[in-house]
Amino acid sequence: MRTLRVLLLLVAACSSKPSASGGSPSGATPPPPPPSQGVDPNCGMSTTDWCAAPPGDPCGEHKDTASCKADPRCVAMPYHGESVVACKHDARGFATNCPTVGCRSPAN
């Protein structure tokens, strides 16, 4: 009987609502920031990523490597994920053996 009582107390404690002070339950992660707050710092870790340029960057209009490379104002955003060998980049950041994961102006 005592075991059942302890078990019921644990269930009740786990199902209680977060405090009114705005705290979140342990283990909960906050939602990602909206795009208007800047560039995602985790973008570029996957070979399939295409990262957004900083707000107002004209090179952000390019949505693929070919169009980015064709625009002399723009440079590649480098891939930051794991690779068996080091990426070999040209002067504008385009790699011959790693993916391009975005397009930006050189100053950004």
N, C-alpha and C. Protein backbone atom coordinates (compact mmCIF):
# COMPACT_ATOMS: atom_id res chain seq x y z
N MET A 1 0.83 -1.19 0.00
CA MET A 1 0.00 0.00 0.00
C MET A 1 0.87 1.25 0.00
N ARG A 2 1.96 1.20 0.79
CA ARG A 2 2.86 2.34 0.86
C ARG A 2 3.49 2.63 -0.50
N THR A 3 3.84 1.58 -1.24
CA THR A 3 4.44 1.73 -2.57
C THR A 3 3.46 2.41 -3.52
N LEU A 4 2.20 2.03 -3.43
CA LEU A 4 1.18 2.64 -4.28
C LEU A 4 1.03 4.12 -3.97
N ARG A 5 1.07 4.49 -2.71
CA ARG A 5 0.95 5.89 -2.30
C ARG A 5 2.13 6.71 -2.84
N VAL A 6 3.35 6.18 -2.74
CA VAL A 6 4.53 6.87 -3.24
C VAL A 6 4.43 7.03 -4.76
N LEU A 7 4.00 6.00 -5.43
CA LEU A 7 3.85 6.05 -6.88
C LEU A 7 2.83 7.11 -7.29
N LEU A 8 1.72 7.20 -6.57
CA LEU A 8 0.71 8.21 -6.88
C LEU A 8 1.25 9.63 -6.64
N LEU A 9 2.04 9.81 -5.60
CA LEU A 9 2.65 11.12 -5.34
C LEU A 9 3.62 11.50 -6.47
N LEU A 10 4.39 10.54 -6.94
CA LEU A 10 5.32 10.82 -8.04
C LEU A 10 4.58 11.20 -9.32
N VAL A 11 3.52 10.49 -9.62
CA VAL A 11 2.73 10.79 -10.82
C VAL A 11 2.12 12.18 -10.71
N ALA A 12 1.60 12.51 -9.55
CA ALA A 12 1.00 13.83 -9.34
C ALA A 12 2.04 14.93 -9.48
N ALA A 13 3.24 14.70 -8.96
CA ALA A 13 4.30 15.71 -9.05
C ALA A 13 4.75 15.90 -10.49
N CYS A 14 4.83 14.84 -11.24
CA CYS A 14 5.30 14.93 -12.63
C CYS A 14 4.28 15.57 -13.55
N SER A 15 3.02 15.48 -13.20
CA SER A 15 1.99 16.04 -14.08
C SER A 15 1.58 17.45 -13.69
N SER A 16 2.24 18.03 -12.70
CA SER A 16 1.87 19.39 -12.29
C SER A 16 2.32 20.40 -13.33
N LYS A 17 1.64 21.53 -13.38
CA LYS A 17 1.94 22.59 -14.33
C LYS A 17 3.18 23.35 -13.91
N PRO A 18 3.90 24.00 -14.88
CA PRO A 18 5.04 24.83 -14.53
C PRO A 18 4.59 25.98 -13.63
N SER A 19 5.52 26.56 -12.92
CA SER A 19 5.20 27.65 -12.01
C SER A 19 4.69 28.87 -12.76
N ALA A 20 3.97 29.73 -12.06
CA ALA A 20 3.42 30.93 -12.67
C ALA A 20 4.50 31.95 -13.00
N SER A 21 5.73 31.74 -12.51
CA SER A 21 6.82 32.68 -12.78
C SER A 21 7.35 32.57 -14.19
N GLY A 22 6.80 31.65 -14.98
CA GLY A 22 7.21 31.53 -16.37
C GLY A 22 8.27 30.48 -16.59
N GLY A 23 8.62 29.73 -15.57
CA GLY A 23 9.62 28.69 -15.72
C GLY A 23 9.10 27.60 -16.62
N SER A 24 10.04 26.85 -17.18
CA SER A 24 9.63 25.76 -18.04
C SER A 24 10.04 24.45 -17.39
N PRO A 25 9.38 23.36 -17.73
CA PRO A 25 9.73 22.08 -17.15
C PRO A 25 11.17 21.72 -17.52
N SER A 26 11.83 21.00 -16.64
CA SER A 26 13.22 20.65 -16.93
C SER A 26 13.28 19.81 -18.20
N GLY A 27 14.32 20.02 -18.97
CA GLY A 27 14.49 19.31 -20.22
C GLY A 27 13.81 19.96 -21.40
N ALA A 28 12.98 20.97 -21.18
CA ALA A 28 12.30 21.65 -22.28
C ALA A 28 13.28 22.62 -22.94
N THR A 29 13.23 22.69 -24.25
CA THR A 29 14.09 23.62 -24.97
C THR A 29 13.26 24.77 -25.48
N PRO A 30 13.82 25.98 -25.47
CA PRO A 30 13.06 27.12 -25.99
C PRO A 30 12.89 27.00 -27.49
N PRO A 31 11.85 27.61 -28.04
CA PRO A 31 11.66 27.55 -29.48
C PRO A 31 12.78 28.31 -30.19
N PRO A 32 13.08 27.94 -31.44
CA PRO A 32 14.13 28.66 -32.16
C PRO A 32 13.73 30.11 -32.39
N PRO A 33 14.72 31.01 -32.50
CA PRO A 33 14.38 32.41 -32.71
C PRO A 33 13.76 32.60 -34.08
N PRO A 34 12.86 33.57 -34.21
CA PRO A 34 12.28 33.83 -35.53
C PRO A 34 13.35 34.33 -36.49
N PRO A 35 13.16 34.13 -37.79
CA PRO A 35 14.15 34.54 -38.77
C PRO A 35 14.56 36.01 -38.67
N SER A 36 13.67 36.86 -38.20
CA SER A 36 13.99 38.29 -38.13
C SER A 36 15.09 38.60 -37.12
N GLN A 37 15.42 37.63 -36.25
CA GLN A 37 16.45 37.87 -35.25
C GLN A 37 17.84 37.50 -35.75
N GLY A 38 17.99 37.14 -36.98
CA GLY A 38 19.31 36.86 -37.51
C GLY A 38 19.46 35.49 -38.12
N VAL A 39 20.70 35.14 -38.38
CA VAL A 39 21.04 33.91 -39.07
C VAL A 39 21.15 32.76 -38.06
N ASP A 40 20.71 31.57 -38.46
CA ASP A 40 20.77 30.38 -37.61
C ASP A 40 22.22 29.95 -37.45
N PRO A 41 22.75 29.95 -36.22
CA PRO A 41 24.15 29.57 -36.01
C PRO A 41 24.43 28.10 -36.28
N ASN A 42 23.40 27.26 -36.32
CA ASN A 42 23.60 25.83 -36.57
C ASN A 42 23.53 25.47 -38.06
N CYS A 43 23.16 26.41 -38.88
CA CYS A 43 23.05 26.15 -40.31
C CYS A 43 24.45 25.94 -40.88
N GLY A 44 24.58 24.99 -41.79
CA GLY A 44 25.86 24.70 -42.42
C GLY A 44 26.52 23.44 -41.89
N MET A 45 25.85 22.76 -40.98
CA MET A 45 26.38 21.52 -40.42
C MET A 45 25.97 20.30 -41.25
N SER A 46 24.97 20.46 -42.08
CA SER A 46 24.48 19.36 -42.92
C SER A 46 24.80 19.66 -44.38
N THR A 47 25.10 18.64 -45.14
CA THR A 47 25.42 18.83 -46.56
C THR A 47 24.23 19.32 -47.36
N THR A 48 23.03 19.18 -46.84
CA THR A 48 21.83 19.61 -47.56
C THR A 48 21.35 20.99 -47.13
N ASP A 49 22.05 21.65 -46.22
CA ASP A 49 21.65 23.00 -45.78
C ASP A 49 21.84 24.02 -46.90
N TRP A 50 20.97 25.02 -46.90
CA TRP A 50 21.18 26.25 -47.66
C TRP A 50 20.83 27.37 -46.69
N CYS A 51 21.85 27.99 -46.14
CA CYS A 51 21.69 28.97 -45.06
C CYS A 51 21.31 30.34 -45.60
N ALA A 52 20.48 31.03 -44.83
CA ALA A 52 20.06 32.37 -45.19
C ALA A 52 21.21 33.36 -44.97
N ALA A 53 21.32 34.31 -45.87
CA ALA A 53 22.30 35.38 -45.71
C ALA A 53 21.80 36.33 -44.62
N PRO A 54 22.67 37.13 -44.06
CA PRO A 54 22.21 38.12 -43.07
C PRO A 54 21.15 39.03 -43.68
N PRO A 55 20.25 39.54 -42.86
CA PRO A 55 19.19 40.42 -43.38
C PRO A 55 19.77 41.59 -44.18
N GLY A 56 19.19 41.85 -45.34
CA GLY A 56 19.62 42.96 -46.18
C GLY A 56 20.78 42.64 -47.11
N ASP A 57 21.35 41.47 -47.01
CA ASP A 57 22.48 41.09 -47.87
C ASP A 57 21.95 40.76 -49.26
N PRO A 58 22.41 41.47 -50.30
CA PRO A 58 21.89 41.21 -51.66
C PRO A 58 22.22 39.80 -52.17
N CYS A 59 23.26 39.19 -51.65
CA CYS A 59 23.62 37.83 -52.10
C CYS A 59 22.65 36.79 -51.58
N GLY A 60 21.80 37.15 -50.63
CA GLY A 60 20.79 36.24 -50.11
C GLY A 60 19.74 35.87 -51.14
N GLU A 61 19.70 36.61 -52.26
CA GLU A 61 18.73 36.29 -53.32
C GLU A 61 19.08 34.98 -54.02
N HIS A 62 20.32 34.54 -53.92
CA HIS A 62 20.75 33.31 -54.59
C HIS A 62 20.36 32.10 -53.75
N LYS A 63 19.76 31.12 -54.37
CA LYS A 63 19.27 29.94 -53.67
C LYS A 63 20.00 28.66 -54.06
N ASP A 64 21.10 28.80 -54.81
CA ASP A 64 21.90 27.62 -55.18
C ASP A 64 23.33 28.05 -55.46
N THR A 65 24.23 27.07 -55.49
CA THR A 65 25.65 27.34 -55.66
C THR A 65 25.95 28.00 -57.01
N ALA A 66 25.34 27.51 -58.08
CA ALA A 66 25.64 28.04 -59.41
C ALA A 66 25.33 29.53 -59.52
N SER A 67 24.16 29.97 -59.06
CA SER A 67 23.81 31.39 -59.17
C SER A 67 24.68 32.24 -58.24
N CYS A 68 25.05 31.71 -57.10
CA CYS A 68 25.93 32.44 -56.19
C CYS A 68 27.31 32.62 -56.82
N LYS A 69 27.83 31.55 -57.37
CA LYS A 69 29.17 31.58 -57.98
C LYS A 69 29.20 32.50 -59.20
N ALA A 70 28.08 32.63 -59.90
CA ALA A 70 28.00 33.48 -61.09
C ALA A 70 27.98 34.96 -60.74
N ASP A 71 27.68 35.30 -59.50
CA ASP A 71 27.60 36.70 -59.07
C ASP A 71 28.94 37.10 -58.44
N PRO A 72 29.72 37.95 -59.09
CA PRO A 72 31.05 38.31 -58.58
C PRO A 72 31.03 39.06 -57.25
N ARG A 73 29.87 39.58 -56.84
CA ARG A 73 29.77 40.27 -55.54
C ARG A 73 29.71 39.31 -54.37
N CYS A 74 29.48 38.02 -54.64
CA CYS A 74 29.16 37.07 -53.59
C CYS A 74 30.25 36.03 -53.34
N VAL A 75 30.23 35.49 -52.11
CA VAL A 75 31.13 34.41 -51.72
C VAL A 75 30.29 33.28 -51.13
N ALA A 76 30.90 32.11 -51.05
CA ALA A 76 30.20 30.95 -50.51
C ALA A 76 30.23 30.95 -48.99
N MET A 77 29.17 30.40 -48.39
CA MET A 77 29.19 30.09 -46.96
C MET A 77 29.75 28.68 -46.85
N PRO A 78 30.77 28.49 -46.03
CA PRO A 78 31.40 27.18 -45.97
C PRO A 78 30.60 26.16 -45.17
N TYR A 79 30.76 24.92 -45.57
CA TYR A 79 30.19 23.77 -44.87
C TYR A 79 30.98 23.59 -43.57
N HIS A 80 30.28 23.42 -42.44
CA HIS A 80 30.93 23.27 -41.14
C HIS A 80 30.78 21.88 -40.55
N GLY A 81 30.19 20.97 -41.30
CA GLY A 81 29.98 19.61 -40.80
C GLY A 81 31.25 18.78 -40.91
N GLU A 82 31.10 17.51 -40.60
CA GLU A 82 32.25 16.61 -40.64
C GLU A 82 32.60 16.24 -42.07
N SER A 83 33.89 16.05 -42.30
CA SER A 83 34.39 15.66 -43.60
C SER A 83 35.59 14.74 -43.40
N VAL A 84 35.73 13.75 -44.27
CA VAL A 84 36.85 12.82 -44.16
C VAL A 84 38.16 13.54 -44.42
N VAL A 85 38.17 14.44 -45.37
CA VAL A 85 39.36 15.24 -45.68
C VAL A 85 39.02 16.71 -45.56
N ALA A 86 40.03 17.53 -45.39
CA ALA A 86 39.81 18.98 -45.27
C ALA A 86 39.24 19.54 -46.56
N CYS A 87 38.31 20.49 -46.43
CA CYS A 87 37.73 21.14 -47.60
C CYS A 87 38.77 22.03 -48.27
N LYS A 88 38.79 22.02 -49.60
CA LYS A 88 39.72 22.85 -50.37
C LYS A 88 38.94 23.99 -51.00
N HIS A 89 39.10 25.20 -50.45
CA HIS A 89 38.35 26.37 -50.90
C HIS A 89 39.15 27.22 -51.87
N ASP A 90 38.44 27.85 -52.82
CA ASP A 90 39.08 28.82 -53.69
C ASP A 90 39.03 30.20 -53.01
N ALA A 91 39.44 31.23 -53.70
CA ALA A 91 39.53 32.57 -53.11
C ALA A 91 38.17 33.11 -52.66
N ARG A 92 37.07 32.63 -53.24
CA ARG A 92 35.74 33.10 -52.87
C ARG A 92 35.00 32.13 -51.95
N GLY A 93 35.69 31.11 -51.47
CA GLY A 93 35.10 30.19 -50.50
C GLY A 93 34.38 28.98 -51.07
N PHE A 94 34.37 28.82 -52.37
CA PHE A 94 33.74 27.65 -52.98
C PHE A 94 34.73 26.49 -52.92
N ALA A 95 34.27 25.35 -52.42
CA ALA A 95 35.14 24.19 -52.27
C ALA A 95 34.98 23.23 -53.44
N THR A 96 36.07 22.57 -53.76
CA THR A 96 36.03 21.57 -54.83
C THR A 96 35.58 20.21 -54.30
N ASN A 97 35.71 20.02 -52.99
CA ASN A 97 35.38 18.71 -52.42
C ASN A 97 34.40 18.77 -51.24
N CYS A 98 33.76 19.89 -51.03
CA CYS A 98 32.76 20.05 -49.97
C CYS A 98 31.61 20.90 -50.51
N PRO A 99 30.43 20.75 -49.94
CA PRO A 99 29.28 21.52 -50.45
C PRO A 99 29.33 22.99 -50.04
N THR A 100 28.68 23.80 -50.84
CA THR A 100 28.43 25.20 -50.48
C THR A 100 27.08 25.18 -49.76
N VAL A 101 26.98 25.89 -48.64
CA VAL A 101 25.74 25.83 -47.86
C VAL A 101 25.03 27.18 -47.76
N GLY A 102 25.45 28.14 -48.58
CA GLY A 102 24.80 29.44 -48.58
C GLY A 102 25.59 30.43 -49.39
N CYS A 103 25.04 31.63 -49.54
CA CYS A 103 25.65 32.67 -50.33
C CYS A 103 25.54 33.99 -49.55
N ARG A 104 26.63 34.75 -49.52
CA ARG A 104 26.64 36.01 -48.77
C ARG A 104 27.62 36.97 -49.40
N SER A 105 27.57 38.22 -48.97
CA SER A 105 28.55 39.22 -49.40
C SER A 105 29.84 39.01 -48.61
N PRO A 106 30.99 39.36 -49.17
CA PRO A 106 32.26 39.14 -48.47
C PRO A 106 32.35 39.83 -47.11
N ALA A 107 31.72 40.96 -46.94
CA ALA A 107 31.83 41.71 -45.67
C ALA A 107 31.00 41.09 -44.56
N ASN A 108 30.07 40.17 -44.85
CA ASN A 108 29.20 39.60 -43.82
C ASN A 108 29.78 38.33 -43.24
